[in-house]
Amino acid sequence: HVSEGATLLFSSDPAKYPLVHTTWEGVELMNYSPLIYAFEQKN
């Protein structure tokens, strides 16, 4: 929950985004983590 008046300021340093199972232009791969990511989670 990002409250009113709050800013999550994401780094532009690629090193801050570890390798994860993701997809890029419709093809799966291991790549930089999305900035906010959830994998095989519920709720």
PDB file of all heavy atoms in Angstrom:
ATOM      1  N   HIS A   1       0.839  -1.195   0.000  1.00  0.00           N
ATOM      2  CA  HIS A   1       0.000   0.000   0.000  1.00  0.00           C
ATOM      3  C   HIS A   1       0.876   1.246   0.000  1.00  0.00           C
ATOM      4  O   HIS A   1       1.585   1.530   0.981  1.00  0.00           O
ATOM      5  CB  HIS A   1      -0.920   0.002   1.225  1.00  0.00           C
ATOM      6  CG  HIS A   1      -1.872   1.156   1.238  1.00  0.00           C
ATOM      7  ND1 HIS A   1      -3.035   1.182   0.515  1.00  0.00           N
ATOM      8  CD2 HIS A   1      -1.820   2.341   1.896  1.00  0.00           C
ATOM      9  CE1 HIS A   1      -3.672   2.320   0.714  1.00  0.00           C
ATOM     10  NE2 HIS A   1      -2.948   3.054   1.549  1.00  0.00           N
ATOM     11  N   VAL A   2       0.837   1.983  -1.095  1.00  0.00           N
ATOM     12  CA  VAL A   2       1.638   3.198  -1.245  1.00  0.00           C
ATOM     13  C   VAL A   2       0.736   4.380  -0.908  1.00  0.00           C
ATOM     14  O   VAL A   2      -0.141   4.765  -1.684  1.00  0.00           O
ATOM     15  CB  VAL A   2       2.207   3.309  -2.674  1.00  0.00           C
ATOM     16  CG1 VAL A   2       3.153   4.492  -2.782  1.00  0.00           C
ATOM     17  CG2 VAL A   2       2.928   2.020  -3.060  1.00  0.00           C
ATOM     18  N   SER A   3       0.939   4.951   0.233  1.00  0.00           N
ATOM     19  CA  SER A   3       0.031   5.971   0.767  1.00  0.00           C
ATOM     20  C   SER A   3       0.062   7.251  -0.065  1.00  0.00           C
ATOM     21  O   SER A   3       1.049   7.536  -0.775  1.00  0.00           O
ATOM     22  CB  SER A   3       0.409   6.304   2.215  1.00  0.00           C
ATOM     23  OG  SER A   3       0.424   5.149   3.020  1.00  0.00           O
ATOM     24  N   GLU A   4      -1.003   8.027   0.051  1.00  0.00           N
ATOM     25  CA  GLU A   4      -1.024   9.335  -0.595  1.00  0.00           C
ATOM     26  C   GLU A   4       0.140  10.176  -0.079  1.00  0.00           C
ATOM     27  O   GLU A   4       0.399  10.240   1.119  1.00  0.00           O
ATOM     28  CB  GLU A   4      -2.347  10.040  -0.318  1.00  0.00           C
ATOM     29  CG  GLU A   4      -2.513  11.334  -1.077  1.00  0.00           C
ATOM     30  CD  GLU A   4      -3.920  11.892  -0.969  1.00  0.00           C
ATOM     31  OE1 GLU A   4      -4.745  11.309  -0.231  1.00  0.00           O
ATOM     32  OE2 GLU A   4      -4.189  12.914  -1.622  1.00  0.00           O
ATOM     33  N   GLY A   5       0.870  10.796  -1.007  1.00  0.00           N
ATOM     34  CA  GLY A   5       2.051  11.568  -0.634  1.00  0.00           C
ATOM     35  C   GLY A   5       3.319  10.752  -0.600  1.00  0.00           C
ATOM     36  O   GLY A   5       4.411  11.297  -0.363  1.00  0.00           O
ATOM     37  N   ALA A   6       3.216   9.438  -0.848  1.00  0.00           N
ATOM     38  CA  ALA A   6       4.391   8.574  -0.860  1.00  0.00           C
ATOM     39  C   ALA A   6       4.847   8.331  -2.297  1.00  0.00           C
ATOM     40  O   ALA A   6       4.027   8.217  -3.213  1.00  0.00           O
ATOM     41  CB  ALA A   6       4.088   7.239  -0.188  1.00  0.00           C
ATOM     42  N   THR A   7       6.154   8.231  -2.478  1.00  0.00           N
ATOM     43  CA  THR A   7       6.734   7.877  -3.771  1.00  0.00           C
ATOM     44  C   THR A   7       7.751   6.772  -3.567  1.00  0.00           C
ATOM     45  O   THR A   7       8.706   6.927  -2.792  1.00  0.00           O
ATOM     46  CB  THR A   7       7.427   9.082  -4.429  1.00  0.00           C
ATOM     47  OG1 THR A   7       6.469  10.101  -4.712  1.00  0.00           O
ATOM     48  CG2 THR A   7       8.113   8.670  -5.724  1.00  0.00           C
ATOM     49  N   LEU A   8       7.533   5.653  -4.246  1.00  0.00           N
ATOM     50  CA  LEU A   8       8.570   4.635  -4.346  1.00  0.00           C
ATOM     51  C   LEU A   8       9.452   5.026  -5.529  1.00  0.00           C
ATOM     52  O   LEU A   8       8.997   5.049  -6.674  1.00  0.00           O
ATOM     53  CB  LEU A   8       7.956   3.256  -4.561  1.00  0.00           C
ATOM     54  CG  LEU A   8       7.412   2.553  -3.315  1.00  0.00           C
ATOM     55  CD1 LEU A   8       6.655   1.290  -3.706  1.00  0.00           C
ATOM     56  CD2 LEU A   8       8.540   2.216  -2.331  1.00  0.00           C
ATOM     57  N   LEU A   9      10.695   5.367  -5.241  1.00  0.00           N
ATOM     58  CA  LEU A   9      11.614   5.882  -6.248  1.00  0.00           C
ATOM     59  C   LEU A   9      12.573   4.753  -6.640  1.00  0.00           C
ATOM     60  O   LEU A   9      13.479   4.396  -5.879  1.00  0.00           O
ATOM     61  CB  LEU A   9      12.376   7.082  -5.685  1.00  0.00           C
ATOM     62  CG  LEU A   9      13.209   7.897  -6.671  1.00  0.00           C
ATOM     63  CD1 LEU A   9      12.312   8.611  -7.684  1.00  0.00           C
ATOM     64  CD2 LEU A   9      14.075   8.911  -5.924  1.00  0.00           C
ATOM     65  N   PHE A  10      12.358   4.181  -7.812  1.00  0.00           N
ATOM     66  CA  PHE A  10      13.110   3.000  -8.212  1.00  0.00           C
ATOM     67  C   PHE A  10      14.440   3.373  -8.845  1.00  0.00           C
ATOM     68  O   PHE A  10      14.522   4.270  -9.685  1.00  0.00           O
ATOM     69  CB  PHE A  10      12.280   2.155  -9.169  1.00  0.00           C
ATOM     70  CG  PHE A  10      11.136   1.450  -8.490  1.00  0.00           C
ATOM     71  CD1 PHE A  10       9.913   2.089  -8.327  1.00  0.00           C
ATOM     72  CD2 PHE A  10      11.303   0.170  -7.984  1.00  0.00           C
ATOM     73  CE1 PHE A  10       8.863   1.458  -7.684  1.00  0.00           C
ATOM     74  CE2 PHE A  10      10.258  -0.468  -7.327  1.00  0.00           C
ATOM     75  CZ  PHE A  10       9.039   0.172  -7.174  1.00  0.00           C
ATOM     76  N   SER A  11      15.462   2.651  -8.461  1.00  0.00           N
ATOM     77  CA  SER A  11      16.799   2.881  -8.983  1.00  0.00           C
ATOM     78  C   SER A  11      16.838   2.611 -10.489  1.00  0.00           C
ATOM     79  O   SER A  11      16.150   1.720 -10.998  1.00  0.00           O
ATOM     80  CB  SER A  11      17.796   1.967  -8.275  1.00  0.00           C
ATOM     81  OG  SER A  11      19.070   2.056  -8.875  1.00  0.00           O
ATOM     82  N   SER A  12      17.663   3.345 -11.203  1.00  0.00           N
ATOM     83  CA  SER A  12      17.899   3.080 -12.621  1.00  0.00           C
ATOM     84  C   SER A  12      19.161   2.244 -12.827  1.00  0.00           C
ATOM     85  O   SER A  12      19.616   2.064 -13.959  1.00  0.00           O
ATOM     86  CB  SER A  12      18.014   4.396 -13.396  1.00  0.00           C
ATOM     87  OG  SER A  12      19.083   5.183 -12.896  1.00  0.00           O
ATOM     88  N   ASP A  13      19.710   1.709 -11.744  1.00  0.00           N
ATOM     89  CA  ASP A  13      20.894   0.856 -11.812  1.00  0.00           C
ATOM     90  C   ASP A  13      20.456  -0.580 -12.084  1.00  0.00           C
ATOM     91  O   ASP A  13      19.800  -1.203 -11.249  1.00  0.00           O
ATOM     92  CB  ASP A  13      21.662   0.932 -10.494  1.00  0.00           C
ATOM     93  CG  ASP A  13      22.913   0.059 -10.487  1.00  0.00           C
ATOM     94  OD1 ASP A  13      23.207  -0.593 -11.513  1.00  0.00           O
ATOM     95  OD2 ASP A  13      23.588   0.024  -9.431  1.00  0.00           O
ATOM     96  N   PRO A  14      20.791  -1.167 -13.248  1.00  0.00           N
ATOM     97  CA  PRO A  14      20.364  -2.537 -13.552  1.00  0.00           C
ATOM     98  C   PRO A  14      20.786  -3.554 -12.497  1.00  0.00           C
ATOM     99  O   PRO A  14      20.125  -4.591 -12.339  1.00  0.00           O
ATOM    100  CB  PRO A  14      21.036  -2.828 -14.902  1.00  0.00           C
ATOM    101  CG  PRO A  14      21.234  -1.483 -15.524  1.00  0.00           C
ATOM    102  CD  PRO A  14      21.536  -0.570 -14.378  1.00  0.00           C
ATOM    103  N   ALA A  15      21.855  -3.280 -11.764  1.00  0.00           N
ATOM    104  CA  ALA A  15      22.324  -4.220 -10.747  1.00  0.00           C
ATOM    105  C   ALA A  15      21.316  -4.402  -9.616  1.00  0.00           C
ATOM    106  O   ALA A  15      21.411  -5.384  -8.854  1.00  0.00           O
ATOM    107  CB  ALA A  15      23.663  -3.743 -10.176  1.00  0.00           C
ATOM    108  N   LYS A  16      20.364  -3.493  -9.493  1.00  0.00           N
ATOM    109  CA  LYS A  16      19.346  -3.588  -8.444  1.00  0.00           C
ATOM    110  C   LYS A  16      18.207  -4.537  -8.819  1.00  0.00           C
ATOM    111  O   LYS A  16      17.267  -4.708  -8.049  1.00  0.00           O
ATOM    112  CB  LYS A  16      18.762  -2.202  -8.158  1.00  0.00           C
ATOM    113  CG  LYS A  16      19.778  -1.167  -7.704  1.00  0.00           C
ATOM    114  CD  LYS A  16      20.313  -1.455  -6.324  1.00  0.00           C
ATOM    115  CE  LYS A  16      21.216  -0.316  -5.840  1.00  0.00           C
ATOM    116  NZ  LYS A  16      21.763  -0.595  -4.497  1.00  0.00           N
ATOM    117  N   TYR A  17      18.294  -5.166 -10.001  1.00  0.00           N
ATOM    118  CA  TYR A  17      17.195  -5.990 -10.506  1.00  0.00           C
ATOM    119  C   TYR A  17      17.715  -7.383 -10.853  1.00  0.00           C
ATOM    120  O   TYR A  17      18.156  -7.633 -11.976  1.00  0.00           O
ATOM    121  CB  TYR A  17      16.532  -5.288 -11.701  1.00  0.00           C
ATOM    122  CG  TYR A  17      16.040  -3.919 -11.279  1.00  0.00           C
ATOM    123  CD1 TYR A  17      16.840  -2.782 -11.460  1.00  0.00           C
ATOM    124  CD2 TYR A  17      14.830  -3.773 -10.617  1.00  0.00           C
ATOM    125  CE1 TYR A  17      16.421  -1.536 -11.008  1.00  0.00           C
ATOM    126  CE2 TYR A  17      14.408  -2.530 -10.164  1.00  0.00           C
ATOM    127  CZ  TYR A  17      15.204  -1.424 -10.362  1.00  0.00           C
ATOM    128  OH  TYR A  17      14.794  -0.198  -9.897  1.00  0.00           O
ATOM    129  N   PRO A  18      17.679  -8.301  -9.880  1.00  0.00           N
ATOM    130  CA  PRO A  18      18.295  -9.624 -10.060  1.00  0.00           C
ATOM    131  C   PRO A  18      17.568 -10.464 -11.108  1.00  0.00           C
ATOM    132  O   PRO A  18      16.427 -10.200 -11.484  1.00  0.00           O
ATOM    133  CB  PRO A  18      18.157 -10.252  -8.669  1.00  0.00           C
ATOM    134  CG  PRO A  18      16.971  -9.566  -8.070  1.00  0.00           C
ATOM    135  CD  PRO A  18      17.018  -8.160  -8.573  1.00  0.00           C
ATOM    136  N   LEU A  19      18.233 -11.501 -11.557  1.00  0.00           N
ATOM    137  CA  LEU A  19      17.706 -12.394 -12.575  1.00  0.00           C
ATOM    138  C   LEU A  19      16.480 -13.141 -12.050  1.00  0.00           C
ATOM    139  O   LEU A  19      16.512 -13.723 -10.965  1.00  0.00           O
ATOM    140  CB  LEU A  19      18.792 -13.391 -12.968  1.00  0.00           C
ATOM    141  CG  LEU A  19      18.830 -13.928 -14.394  1.00  0.00           C
ATOM    142  CD1 LEU A  19      19.116 -12.805 -15.371  1.00  0.00           C
ATOM    143  CD2 LEU A  19      19.900 -15.007 -14.508  1.00  0.00           C
ATOM    144  N   VAL A  20      15.397 -13.139 -12.834  1.00  0.00           N
ATOM    145  CA  VAL A  20      14.190 -13.896 -12.493  1.00  0.00           C
ATOM    146  C   VAL A  20      13.602 -14.509 -13.764  1.00  0.00           C
ATOM    147  O   VAL A  20      13.940 -14.117 -14.885  1.00  0.00           O
ATOM    148  CB  VAL A  20      13.111 -13.015 -11.810  1.00  0.00           C
ATOM    149  CG1 VAL A  20      13.614 -12.449 -10.495  1.00  0.00           C
ATOM    150  CG2 VAL A  20      12.639 -11.907 -12.752  1.00  0.00           C
ATOM    151  N   HIS A  21      12.690 -15.444 -13.572  1.00  0.00           N
ATOM    152  CA  HIS A  21      11.925 -16.019 -14.683  1.00  0.00           C
ATOM    153  C   HIS A  21      10.854 -15.009 -15.080  1.00  0.00           C
ATOM    154  O   HIS A  21       9.944 -14.707 -14.319  1.00  0.00           O
ATOM    155  CB  HIS A  21      11.281 -17.328 -14.227  1.00  0.00           C
ATOM    156  CG  HIS A  21      10.549 -18.063 -15.310  1.00  0.00           C
ATOM    157  ND1 HIS A  21      10.570 -19.428 -15.427  1.00  0.00           N
ATOM    158  CD2 HIS A  21       9.767 -17.639 -16.336  1.00  0.00           C
ATOM    159  CE1 HIS A  21       9.837 -19.808 -16.462  1.00  0.00           C
ATOM    160  NE2 HIS A  21       9.335 -18.717 -17.020  1.00  0.00           N
ATOM    161  N   THR A  22      10.952 -14.495 -16.282  1.00  0.00           N
ATOM    162  CA  THR A  22      10.033 -13.454 -16.716  1.00  0.00           C
ATOM    163  C   THR A  22       9.749 -13.650 -18.208  1.00  0.00           C
ATOM    164  O   THR A  22       9.982 -14.731 -18.764  1.00  0.00           O
ATOM    165  CB  THR A  22      10.617 -12.053 -16.393  1.00  0.00           C
ATOM    166  OG1 THR A  22       9.693 -11.039 -16.771  1.00  0.00           O
ATOM    167  CG2 THR A  22      11.958 -11.819 -17.061  1.00  0.00           C
ATOM    168  N   THR A  23       9.232 -12.629 -18.846  1.00  0.00           N
ATOM    169  CA  THR A  23       8.961 -12.698 -20.280  1.00  0.00           C
ATOM    170  C   THR A  23       9.268 -11.351 -20.894  1.00  0.00           C
ATOM    171  O   THR A  23       9.124 -10.313 -20.242  1.00  0.00           O
ATOM    172  CB  THR A  23       7.487 -13.104 -20.538  1.00  0.00           C
ATOM    173  OG1 THR A  23       7.255 -13.181 -21.947  1.00  0.00           O
ATOM    174  CG2 THR A  23       6.521 -12.104 -19.933  1.00  0.00           C
ATOM    175  N   TRP A  24       9.716 -11.374 -22.141  1.00  0.00           N
ATOM    176  CA  TRP A  24      10.063 -10.133 -22.836  1.00  0.00           C
ATOM    177  C   TRP A  24       9.497 -10.215 -24.245  1.00  0.00           C
ATOM    178  O   TRP A  24       9.856 -11.111 -25.018  1.00  0.00           O
ATOM    179  CB  TRP A  24      11.573  -9.934 -22.857  1.00  0.00           C
ATOM    180  CG  TRP A  24      12.005  -8.536 -23.160  1.00  0.00           C
ATOM    181  CD1 TRP A  24      12.205  -7.519 -22.268  1.00  0.00           C
ATOM    182  CD2 TRP A  24      12.285  -7.974 -24.455  1.00  0.00           C
ATOM    183  NE1 TRP A  24      12.590  -6.368 -22.919  1.00  0.00           N
ATOM    184  CE2 TRP A  24      12.639  -6.625 -24.269  1.00  0.00           C
ATOM    185  CE3 TRP A  24      12.263  -8.491 -25.746  1.00  0.00           C
ATOM    186  CZ2 TRP A  24      12.978  -5.775 -25.313  1.00  0.00           C
ATOM    187  CZ3 TRP A  24      12.596  -7.649 -26.811  1.00  0.00           C
ATOM    188  CH2 TRP A  24      12.951  -6.314 -26.592  1.00  0.00           C
ATOM    189  N   GLU A  25       8.607  -9.302 -24.566  1.00  0.00           N
ATOM    190  CA  GLU A  25       7.909  -9.282 -25.853  1.00  0.00           C
ATOM    191  C   GLU A  25       7.364 -10.664 -26.213  1.00  0.00           C
ATOM    192  O   GLU A  25       7.501 -11.150 -27.328  1.00  0.00           O
ATOM    193  CB  GLU A  25       8.805  -8.718 -26.968  1.00  0.00           C
ATOM    194  CG  GLU A  25       8.996  -7.217 -26.849  1.00  0.00           C
ATOM    195  CD  GLU A  25       9.537  -6.564 -28.111  1.00  0.00           C
ATOM    196  OE1 GLU A  25       9.769  -7.266 -29.103  1.00  0.00           O
ATOM    197  OE2 GLU A  25       9.715  -5.324 -28.087  1.00  0.00           O
ATOM    198  N   GLY A  26       6.731 -11.298 -25.217  1.00  0.00           N
ATOM    199  CA  GLY A  26       5.983 -12.517 -25.468  1.00  0.00           C
ATOM    200  C   GLY A  26       6.772 -13.797 -25.461  1.00  0.00           C
ATOM    201  O   GLY A  26       6.233 -14.856 -25.781  1.00  0.00           O
ATOM    202  N   VAL A  27       8.049 -13.770 -25.072  1.00  0.00           N
ATOM    203  CA  VAL A  27       8.881 -14.974 -25.033  1.00  0.00           C
ATOM    204  C   VAL A  27       9.523 -15.061 -23.647  1.00  0.00           C
ATOM    205  O   VAL A  27      10.099 -14.091 -23.154  1.00  0.00           O
ATOM    206  CB  VAL A  27       9.959 -14.937 -26.134  1.00  0.00           C
ATOM    207  CG1 VAL A  27      10.859 -16.167 -26.059  1.00  0.00           C
ATOM    208  CG2 VAL A  27       9.306 -14.850 -27.514  1.00  0.00           C
ATOM    209  N   GLU A  28       9.448 -16.243 -23.033  1.00  0.00           N
ATOM    210  CA  GLU A  28       9.975 -16.418 -21.681  1.00  0.00           C
ATOM    211  C   GLU A  28      11.503 -16.433 -21.686  1.00  0.00           C
ATOM    212  O   GLU A  28      12.140 -16.844 -22.663  1.00  0.00           O
ATOM    213  CB  GLU A  28       9.445 -17.713 -21.071  1.00  0.00           C
ATOM    214  CG  GLU A  28       7.944 -17.680 -20.808  1.00  0.00           C
ATOM    215  CD  GLU A  28       7.462 -18.859 -20.009  1.00  0.00           C
ATOM    216  OE1 GLU A  28       7.861 -20.006 -20.305  1.00  0.00           O
ATOM    217  OE2 GLU A  28       6.683 -18.645 -19.078  1.00  0.00           O
ATOM    218  N   LEU A  29      12.077 -16.021 -20.544  1.00  0.00           N
ATOM    219  CA  LEU A  29      13.532 -15.959 -20.398  1.00  0.00           C
ATOM    220  C   LEU A  29      13.887 -15.700 -18.949  1.00  0.00           C
ATOM    221  O   LEU A  29      13.021 -15.465 -18.105  1.00  0.00           O
ATOM    222  CB  LEU A  29      14.127 -14.856 -21.280  1.00  0.00           C
ATOM    223  CG  LEU A  29      13.998 -13.398 -20.798  1.00  0.00           C
ATOM    224  CD1 LEU A  29      14.907 -12.491 -21.622  1.00  0.00           C
ATOM    225  CD2 LEU A  29      12.581 -12.884 -20.813  1.00  0.00           C
ATOM    226  N   MET A  30      15.174 -15.732 -18.664  1.00  0.00           N
ATOM    227  CA  MET A  30      15.721 -15.275 -17.390  1.00  0.00           C
ATOM    228  C   MET A  30      16.306 -13.884 -17.646  1.00  0.00           C
ATOM    229  O   MET A  30      17.220 -13.731 -18.456  1.00  0.00           O
ATOM    230  CB  MET A  30      16.796 -16.239 -16.882  1.00  0.00           C
ATOM    231  CG  MET A  30      16.358 -17.698 -16.806  1.00  0.00           C
ATOM    232  SD  MET A  30      14.942 -17.976 -15.707  1.00  0.00           S
ATOM    233  CE  MET A  30      15.662 -17.520 -14.119  1.00  0.00           C
ATOM    234  N   ASN A  31      15.773 -12.900 -16.924  1.00  0.00           N
ATOM    235  CA  ASN A  31      16.169 -11.520 -17.230  1.00  0.00           C
ATOM    236  C   ASN A  31      16.058 -10.666 -15.974  1.00  0.00           C
ATOM    237  O   ASN A  31      15.698 -11.155 -14.896  1.00  0.00           O
ATOM    238  CB  ASN A  31      15.269 -10.973 -18.346  1.00  0.00           C
ATOM    239  CG  ASN A  31      15.816  -9.691 -18.967  1.00  0.00           C
ATOM    240  OD1 ASN A  31      17.032  -9.508 -19.067  1.00  0.00           O
ATOM    241  ND2 ASN A  31      14.926  -8.797 -19.375  1.00  0.00           N
ATOM    242  N   TYR A  32      16.380  -9.395 -16.128  1.00  0.00           N
ATOM    243  CA  TYR A  32      16.225  -8.451 -15.016  1.00  0.00           C
ATOM    244  C   TYR A  32      14.843  -8.565 -14.398  1.00  0.00           C
ATOM    245  O   TYR A  32      13.833  -8.657 -15.105  1.00  0.00           O
ATOM    246  CB  TYR A  32      16.417  -7.017 -15.514  1.00  0.00           C
ATOM    247  CG  TYR A  32      17.789  -6.690 -16.013  1.00  0.00           C
ATOM    248  CD1 TYR A  32      18.020  -6.496 -17.379  1.00  0.00           C
ATOM    249  CD2 TYR A  32      18.873  -6.570 -15.139  1.00  0.00           C
ATOM    250  CE1 TYR A  32      19.293  -6.182 -17.857  1.00  0.00           C
ATOM    251  CE2 TYR A  32      20.141  -6.266 -15.616  1.00  0.00           C
ATOM    252  CZ  TYR A  32      20.354  -6.080 -16.971  1.00  0.00           C
ATOM    253  OH  TYR A  32      21.607  -5.784 -17.435  1.00  0.00           O
ATOM    254  N   SER A  33      14.779  -8.527 -13.094  1.00  0.00           N
ATOM    255  CA  SER A  33      13.489  -8.532 -12.411  1.00  0.00           C
ATOM    256  C   SER A  33      12.677  -7.304 -12.777  1.00  0.00           C
ATOM    257  O   SER A  33      13.207  -6.190 -12.858  1.00  0.00           O
ATOM    258  CB  SER A  33      13.700  -8.537 -10.895  1.00  0.00           C
ATOM    259  OG  SER A  33      12.477  -8.318 -10.221  1.00  0.00           O
ATOM    260  N   PRO A  34      11.375  -7.469 -13.006  1.00  0.00           N
ATOM    261  CA  PRO A  34      10.513  -6.286 -13.039  1.00  0.00           C
ATOM    262  C   PRO A  34      10.667  -5.479 -11.755  1.00  0.00           C
ATOM    263  O   PRO A  34      11.082  -6.013 -10.711  1.00  0.00           O
ATOM    264  CB  PRO A  34       9.117  -6.884 -13.174  1.00  0.00           C
ATOM    265  CG  PRO A  34       9.345  -8.198 -13.867  1.00  0.00           C
ATOM    266  CD  PRO A  34      10.640  -8.703 -13.291  1.00  0.00           C
ATOM    267  N   LEU A  35      10.303  -4.215 -11.820  1.00  0.00           N
ATOM    268  CA  LEU A  35      10.495  -3.360 -10.649  1.00  0.00           C
ATOM    269  C   LEU A  35       9.631  -3.825  -9.483  1.00  0.00           C
ATOM    270  O   LEU A  35      10.074  -3.818  -8.331  1.00  0.00           O
ATOM    271  CB  LEU A  35      10.212  -1.894 -11.020  1.00  0.00           C
ATOM    272  CG  LEU A  35      11.346  -1.158 -11.753  1.00  0.00           C
ATOM    273  CD1 LEU A  35      11.791  -1.847 -13.031  1.00  0.00           C
ATOM    274  CD2 LEU A  35      10.953   0.287 -12.045  1.00  0.00           C
ATOM    275  N   ILE A  36       8.382  -4.204  -9.759  1.00  0.00           N
ATOM    276  CA  ILE A  36       7.527  -4.865  -8.761  1.00  0.00           C
ATOM    277  C   ILE A  36       7.098  -6.191  -9.371  1.00  0.00           C
ATOM    278  O   ILE A  36       6.503  -6.218 -10.447  1.00  0.00           O
ATOM    279  CB  ILE A  36       6.312  -4.005  -8.381  1.00  0.00           C
ATOM    280  CG1 ILE A  36       6.779  -2.707  -7.715  1.00  0.00           C
ATOM    281  CG2 ILE A  36       5.374  -4.769  -7.450  1.00  0.00           C
ATOM    282  CD1 ILE A  36       5.645  -1.793  -7.291  1.00  0.00           C
ATOM    283  N   TYR A  37       7.366  -7.292  -8.678  1.00  0.00           N
ATOM    284  CA  TYR A  37       7.269  -8.624  -9.278  1.00  0.00           C
ATOM    285  C   TYR A  37       6.656  -9.590  -8.268  1.00  0.00           C
ATOM    286  O   TYR A  37       6.940  -9.530  -7.065  1.00  0.00           O
ATOM    287  CB  TYR A  37       8.666  -9.076  -9.658  1.00  0.00           C
ATOM    288  CG  TYR A  37       8.831 -10.460 -10.236  1.00  0.00           C
ATOM    289  CD1 TYR A  37       8.382 -10.771 -11.515  1.00  0.00           C
ATOM    290  CD2 TYR A  37       9.486 -11.458  -9.509  1.00  0.00           C
ATOM    291  CE1 TYR A  37       8.582 -12.034 -12.063  1.00  0.00           C
ATOM    292  CE2 TYR A  37       9.700 -12.720 -10.048  1.00  0.00           C
ATOM    293  CZ  TYR A  37       9.241 -13.010 -11.320  1.00  0.00           C
ATOM    294  OH  TYR A  37       9.445 -14.258 -11.855  1.00  0.00           O
ATOM    295  N   ALA A  38       5.812 -10.475  -8.775  1.00  0.00           N
ATOM    296  CA  ALA A  38       5.292 -11.579  -7.966  1.00  0.00           C
ATOM    297  C   ALA A  38       5.239 -12.802  -8.866  1.00  0.00           C
ATOM    298  O   ALA A  38       4.721 -12.727  -9.982  1.00  0.00           O
ATOM    299  CB  ALA A  38       3.910 -11.253  -7.415  1.00  0.00           C
ATOM    300  N   PHE A  39       5.768 -13.924  -8.399  1.00  0.00           N
ATOM    301  CA  PHE A  39       5.822 -15.137  -9.203  1.00  0.00           C
ATOM    302  C   PHE A  39       5.106 -16.269  -8.483  1.00  0.00           C
ATOM    303  O   PHE A  39       5.467 -16.639  -7.364  1.00  0.00           O
ATOM    304  CB  PHE A  39       7.278 -15.521  -9.475  1.00  0.00           C
ATOM    305  CG  PHE A  39       7.435 -16.690 -10.419  1.00  0.00           C
ATOM    306  CD1 PHE A  39       7.149 -16.546 -11.768  1.00  0.00           C
ATOM    307  CD2 PHE A  39       7.865 -17.919  -9.953  1.00  0.00           C
ATOM    308  CE1 PHE A  39       7.301 -17.613 -12.647  1.00  0.00           C
ATOM    309  CE2 PHE A  39       8.013 -18.990 -10.822  1.00  0.00           C
ATOM    310  CZ  PHE A  39       7.727 -18.837 -12.177  1.00  0.00           C
ATOM    311  N   GLU A  40       4.048 -16.787  -9.125  1.00  0.00           N
ATOM    312  CA  GLU A  40       3.285 -17.919  -8.610  1.00  0.00           C
ATOM    313  C   GLU A  40       2.796 -17.661  -7.179  1.00  0.00           C
ATOM    314  O   GLU A  40       2.951 -18.499  -6.287  1.00  0.00           O
ATOM    315  CB  GLU A  40       4.116 -19.203  -8.703  1.00  0.00           C
ATOM    316  CG  GLU A  40       4.426 -19.586 -10.151  1.00  0.00           C
ATOM    317  CD  GLU A  40       5.180 -20.889 -10.303  1.00  0.00           C
ATOM    318  OE1 GLU A  40       5.756 -21.374  -9.295  1.00  0.00           O
ATOM    319  OE2 GLU A  40       5.203 -21.437 -11.424  1.00  0.00           O
ATOM    320  N   GLN A  41       2.183 -16.496  -6.974  1.00  0.00           N
ATOM    321  CA  GLN A  41       1.631 -16.117  -5.680  1.00  0.00           C
ATOM    322  C   GLN A  41       0.109 -15.998  -5.778  1.00  0.00           C
ATOM    323  O   GLN A  41      -0.445 -15.857  -6.871  1.00  0.00           O
ATOM    324  CB  GLN A  41       2.234 -14.799  -5.200  1.00  0.00           C
ATOM    325  CG  GLN A  41       3.756 -14.797  -5.119  1.00  0.00           C
ATOM    326  CD  GLN A  41       4.307 -15.769  -4.112  1.00  0.00           C
ATOM    327  OE1 GLN A  41       3.898 -15.773  -2.945  1.00  0.00           O
ATOM    328  NE2 GLN A  41       5.239 -16.618  -4.548  1.00  0.00           N
ATOM    329  N   LYS A  42      -0.556 -16.051  -4.625  1.00  0.00           N
ATOM    330  CA  LYS A  42      -2.007 -15.884  -4.563  1.00  0.00           C
ATOM    331  C   LYS A  42      -2.348 -14.708  -3.653  1.00  0.00           C
ATOM    332  O   LYS A  42      -1.739 -14.525  -2.606  1.00  0.00           O
ATOM    333  CB  LYS A  42      -2.680 -17.145  -4.019  1.00  0.00           C
ATOM    334  CG  LYS A  42      -2.593 -18.351  -4.943  1.00  0.00           C
ATOM    335  CD  LYS A  42      -3.384 -19.527  -4.377  1.00  0.00           C
ATOM    336  CE  LYS A  42      -3.339 -20.713  -5.322  1.00  0.00           C
ATOM    337  NZ  LYS A  42      -4.116 -21.870  -4.809  1.00  0.00           N
ATOM    338  N   ASN A  43      -3.352 -13.945  -4.064  1.00  0.00           N
ATOM    339  CA  ASN A  43      -3.826 -12.807  -3.274  1.00  0.00           C
ATOM    340  C   ASN A  43      -2.702 -11.793  -3.069  1.00  0.00           C
ATOM    341  O   ASN A  43      -2.091 -11.710  -1.998  1.00  0.00           O
ATOM    342  CB  ASN A  43      -4.378 -13.268  -1.913  1.00  0.00           C
ATOM    343  CG  ASN A  43      -5.446 -14.318  -2.056  1.00  0.00           C
ATOM    344  OD1 ASN A  43      -6.270 -14.281  -2.969  1.00  0.00           O
ATOM    345  ND2 ASN A  43      -5.450 -15.286  -1.150  1.00  0.00           N
TER     346      ASN A  43
END
